Amino acid sequence: MKRIMVVDDEPGARKIINIMLDRGGFSVIEAASAAEALTLLEQETPDLIILDIMMGGMDGIALCSALRNREATSQTPILMLSARTDGEAVIKSVDAGATDYISKPIFHHDLVGRVRKLLNIERQAQ
């Protein structure tokens, strides 16, 4: 089972994303902040990381850049997830090393489909 790390400072958002990914067949590791994510990443490297952009302390763009500078996560797919839909946020995310960007609100099929695409997983026959 592929493991996905979700980093978002909103508990409700983490819960919804966790449910969507769980239903999609993924195992989820949750972090409420960039600092918590970095601590958890010392113990294991997930198959994909989902980052919210707007978080207190270190934001998702800064965390993305930091993850790209770590050997263990330099090639890990990173999906930015944000309520920000402006071009500047997307450009900054890509410049920081994000693999892809998806805007909130999100739907189950969009999130799971994007994660499967990033992990090169073919859709299972239902």
Protein backbone atom coordinates (compact mmCIF):
# COMPACT_ATOMS: atom_id res chain seq x y z
CA MET A 1 0.00 0.00 0.00
CA LYS A 2 1.41 3.38 -1.02
CA ARG A 3 1.94 5.85 1.84
CA ILE A 4 0.95 9.49 1.43
CA MET A 5 1.98 12.27 3.81
CA VAL A 6 -0.56 15.06 4.18
CA VAL A 7 0.71 18.34 5.68
CA ASP A 8 -2.02 20.83 6.54
CA ASP A 9 -2.56 22.95 9.65
CA GLU A 10 -6.36 22.57 9.40
CA PRO A 11 -7.50 19.41 11.25
CA GLY A 12 -10.74 19.26 9.24
CA ALA A 13 -8.89 19.43 5.93
CA ARG A 14 -6.49 16.67 7.02
CA LYS A 15 -9.44 14.49 8.05
CA ILE A 16 -11.27 14.94 4.72
CA ILE A 17 -8.11 14.31 2.69
CA ASN A 18 -7.32 11.27 4.85
CA ILE A 19 -10.79 9.81 4.21
CA MET A 20 -10.50 10.42 0.45
CA LEU A 21 -7.06 8.82 0.24
CA ASP A 22 -8.05 5.90 2.49
CA ARG A 23 -11.04 5.20 0.24
CA GLY A 24 -8.66 5.39 -2.72
CA GLY A 25 -6.54 2.61 -1.24
CA PHE A 26 -3.71 4.65 0.28
CA SER A 27 -2.19 4.76 3.75
CA VAL A 28 -1.95 8.28 5.21
CA ILE A 29 0.59 9.95 7.49
CA GLU A 30 -0.67 13.27 8.85
CA ALA A 31 1.35 16.30 9.93
CA ALA A 32 -0.16 19.52 11.32
CA SER A 33 2.85 21.70 10.49
CA ALA A 34 6.04 21.84 8.46
CA ALA A 35 8.06 21.19 11.63
CA GLU A 36 6.04 18.06 12.42
CA ALA A 37 6.40 16.86 8.82
CA LEU A 38 10.18 17.27 8.94
CA THR A 39 10.32 15.31 12.20
CA LEU A 40 8.18 12.50 10.76
CA LEU A 41 10.31 12.43 7.61
CA GLU A 42 13.35 11.57 9.72
CA GLN A 43 11.62 8.24 10.47
CA GLU A 44 10.22 7.34 7.05
CA THR A 45 9.88 8.61 3.50
CA PRO A 46 6.37 8.40 2.03
CA ASP A 47 5.67 7.63 -1.62
CA LEU A 48 4.06 11.06 -2.15
CA ILE A 49 3.67 14.25 -0.11
CA ILE A 50 0.66 16.59 -0.20
CA LEU A 51 1.32 20.12 1.10
CA ASP A 52 -1.08 22.92 1.89
CA ILE A 53 0.43 26.26 0.90
CA MET A 54 -1.03 28.49 3.60
CA MET A 55 0.17 27.27 7.00
CA GLY A 56 1.42 29.08 10.06
CA GLY A 57 5.18 29.11 10.53
CA MET A 58 6.90 27.62 7.51
CA ASP A 59 4.41 27.62 4.62
CA GLY A 60 4.00 24.86 2.07
CA ILE A 61 6.16 26.53 -0.57
CA ALA A 62 9.10 26.89 1.83
CA LEU A 63 8.59 23.31 3.01
CA CYS A 64 8.52 22.08 -0.59
CA SER A 65 11.83 23.79 -1.25
CA ALA A 66 13.30 22.29 1.94
CA LEU A 67 12.11 18.82 0.91
CA ARG A 68 13.78 19.15 -2.47
CA ASN A 69 17.06 19.93 -0.67
CA ARG A 70 16.87 16.71 1.39
CA GLU A 71 18.37 13.66 -0.28
CA ALA A 72 15.59 11.34 0.93
CA THR A 73 12.78 13.48 -0.52
CA SER A 74 14.52 15.15 -3.46
CA GLN A 75 12.67 12.90 -5.95
CA THR A 76 9.45 12.27 -3.98
CA PRO A 77 6.37 13.55 -5.84
CA ILE A 78 4.93 16.63 -4.12
CA LEU A 79 1.35 17.73 -4.72
CA MET A 80 0.54 21.26 -3.61
CA LEU A 81 -3.02 21.70 -2.41
CA SER A 82 -4.35 25.18 -1.79
CA ALA A 83 -7.32 27.50 -1.81
CA ARG A 84 -5.05 29.92 -3.68
CA THR A 85 -5.75 29.73 -7.39
CA ASP A 86 -3.69 32.70 -8.54
CA GLY A 87 -0.91 32.18 -11.03
CA GLU A 88 1.72 33.47 -8.60
CA ALA A 89 1.02 30.64 -6.13
CA VAL A 90 1.27 28.03 -8.87
CA ILE A 91 4.52 29.50 -10.24
CA LYS A 92 6.08 29.73 -6.76
CA SER A 93 5.08 26.13 -6.09
CA VAL A 94 6.62 24.86 -9.30
CA ASP A 95 9.75 26.95 -8.71
CA ALA A 96 10.04 25.39 -5.23
CA GLY A 97 9.96 21.93 -6.79
CA ALA A 98 6.30 20.88 -6.65
CA THR A 99 5.37 18.09 -9.03
CA ASP A 100 1.76 19.21 -9.38
CA TYR A 101 -0.82 21.67 -8.00
CA ILE A 102 -4.50 21.22 -7.22
CA SER A 103 -6.92 23.85 -5.96
CA LYS A 104 -9.40 23.54 -3.10
CA PRO A 105 -12.16 22.65 -2.87
CA ILE A 106 -11.22 19.16 -3.96
CA PHE A 107 -13.31 16.17 -4.91
CA HIS A 108 -12.49 12.55 -4.17
CA HIS A 109 -12.08 11.51 -7.81
CA ASP A 110 -9.85 14.52 -8.58
CA LEU A 111 -7.52 13.96 -5.62
CA VAL A 112 -7.26 10.19 -5.93
CA GLY A 113 -6.87 10.43 -9.71
CA ARG A 114 -4.08 12.98 -9.40
CA VAL A 115 -2.29 10.90 -6.74
CA ARG A 116 -2.54 7.77 -8.87
CA LYS A 117 -1.20 9.68 -11.87
CA LEU A 118 1.76 11.03 -9.89
CA LEU A 119 2.54 7.54 -8.59
CA ASN A 120 2.02 5.96 -12.03
CA ILE A 121 -0.71 3.69 -10.69
CA GLU A 122 -3.19 2.34 -13.19
CA ARG A 123 -6.79 2.51 -12.08
CA GLN A 124 -7.92 -0.81 -10.64
CA ALA A 125 -10.99 -2.41 -12.15
CA GLN A 126 -13.91 -1.78 -9.78
